[in-house]
């Protein structure tokens, strides 16, 4: 029974992974602190909060107090694939039209 409960808990953690809110695509890689919490980021300079949290190798602006919640691994994330992330965000902006 304990194994089942542990397995269910670990599964629940795996499905609560954070993904960036696409509405903030225009601010990804801006470096001017314009990105809102839950928006994508490539480093702390993108975020109004000053915290780009690592969410399984994806940057998500986060409140410092929430940097370890929902599977995030803390502030100070620097995207090793920043150029590709920014390019994908620009494509999202074109798709959205804003």
Protein backbone atom coordinates (compact mmCIF):
# COMPACT_ATOMS: atom_id res chain seq x y z
CA UNK A 1 0.00 0.00 0.00
CA UNK A 2 2.82 2.41 0.86
CA UNK A 3 4.40 1.83 -2.57
CA UNK A 4 1.10 2.62 -4.26
CA UNK A 5 0.74 5.87 -2.34
CA UNK A 6 4.34 6.85 -3.14
CA UNK A 7 3.83 6.02 -6.83
CA UNK A 8 0.62 8.06 -6.94
CA UNK A 9 2.38 11.00 -5.27
CA UNK A 10 5.29 10.88 -7.71
CA UNK A 11 2.90 10.69 -10.65
CA UNK A 12 0.99 13.71 -9.35
CA UNK A 13 4.25 15.64 -9.10
CA UNK A 14 5.17 14.73 -12.67
CA UNK A 15 1.90 16.04 -14.13
CA UNK A 16 2.06 19.37 -12.31
CA UNK A 17 5.12 20.54 -14.21
CA UNK A 18 5.05 24.22 -15.06
CA UNK A 19 5.11 25.47 -18.65
CA UNK A 20 5.46 29.12 -19.65
CA UNK A 21 2.34 31.13 -20.47
CA UNK A 22 2.44 31.78 -24.23
CA UNK A 23 0.75 35.17 -23.79
CA UNK A 24 4.14 36.52 -22.70
CA UNK A 25 6.05 35.28 -25.73
CA UNK A 26 6.93 38.82 -26.83
CA UNK A 27 8.91 39.34 -23.60
CA UNK A 28 11.08 36.22 -23.83
CA UNK A 29 14.71 37.29 -24.15
CA UNK A 30 13.92 40.99 -23.75
CA UNK A 31 16.33 41.39 -20.83
CA UNK A 32 14.43 44.47 -19.64
CA UNK A 33 12.38 43.00 -16.79
CA UNK A 34 9.10 43.18 -18.70
CA UNK A 35 8.03 39.53 -18.36
CA UNK A 36 5.22 38.70 -15.92
CA UNK A 37 5.14 35.78 -13.49
CA UNK A 38 4.38 32.52 -15.37
CA UNK A 39 5.78 33.94 -18.62
CA UNK A 40 8.79 32.38 -20.31
CA UNK A 41 12.34 33.64 -19.77
CA UNK A 42 15.93 32.89 -20.72
CA UNK A 43 17.43 34.46 -17.57
CA UNK A 44 16.54 36.58 -14.54
CA UNK A 45 16.83 39.86 -16.51
CA UNK A 46 13.65 39.01 -18.46
CA UNK A 47 11.44 38.88 -15.35
CA UNK A 48 9.73 41.68 -13.43
CA UNK A 49 10.30 39.55 -10.34
CA UNK A 50 14.01 39.12 -11.10
CA UNK A 51 13.56 35.33 -10.91
CA UNK A 52 13.75 33.07 -13.94
CA UNK A 53 13.11 29.66 -12.40
CA UNK A 54 14.26 26.39 -13.93
CA UNK A 55 11.20 24.26 -14.72
CA UNK A 56 12.87 21.15 -16.15
CA UNK A 57 15.24 23.11 -18.43
CA UNK A 58 12.60 25.68 -19.35
CA UNK A 59 12.67 29.17 -17.88
CA UNK A 60 9.53 30.47 -16.18
CA UNK A 61 9.34 33.81 -14.39
CA UNK A 62 8.44 33.16 -10.80
CA UNK A 63 8.01 34.96 -7.52
CA UNK A 64 11.08 34.29 -5.39
CA UNK A 65 8.85 32.78 -2.69
CA UNK A 66 7.49 30.28 -5.25
CA UNK A 67 10.75 29.38 -6.99
CA UNK A 68 10.66 25.77 -5.76
CA UNK A 69 6.93 25.12 -6.17
CA UNK A 70 5.30 22.89 -8.78
CA UNK A 71 8.50 21.23 -9.88
CA UNK A 72 10.58 24.39 -10.32
CA UNK A 73 14.25 24.20 -9.34
CA UNK A 74 14.91 27.76 -8.21
CA UNK A 75 15.80 31.18 -9.59
CA UNK A 76 18.88 32.13 -11.62
CA UNK A 77 18.09 29.83 -14.55
CA UNK A 78 20.13 30.60 -17.66
CA UNK A 79 18.71 28.90 -20.73
CA UNK A 80 21.49 26.95 -22.49
CA UNK A 81 19.35 27.10 -25.66
CA UNK A 82 18.45 30.79 -25.39
CA UNK A 83 18.69 31.49 -29.13
CA UNK A 84 16.29 28.65 -29.97
CA UNK A 85 13.94 29.62 -27.15
CA UNK A 86 13.83 33.24 -28.34
CA UNK A 87 13.27 32.14 -31.94
CA UNK A 88 10.37 29.89 -30.85
CA UNK A 89 8.89 32.77 -28.85
CA UNK A 90 9.09 35.06 -31.90
CA UNK A 91 7.23 32.42 -33.93
CA UNK A 92 4.58 32.28 -31.21
CA UNK A 93 4.18 36.06 -31.37
CA UNK A 94 3.65 35.85 -35.16
CA UNK A 95 1.08 33.11 -34.64
CA UNK A 96 -0.74 35.14 -31.98
CA UNK A 97 -0.55 38.38 -33.93
CA UNK A 98 0.40 40.46 -30.90
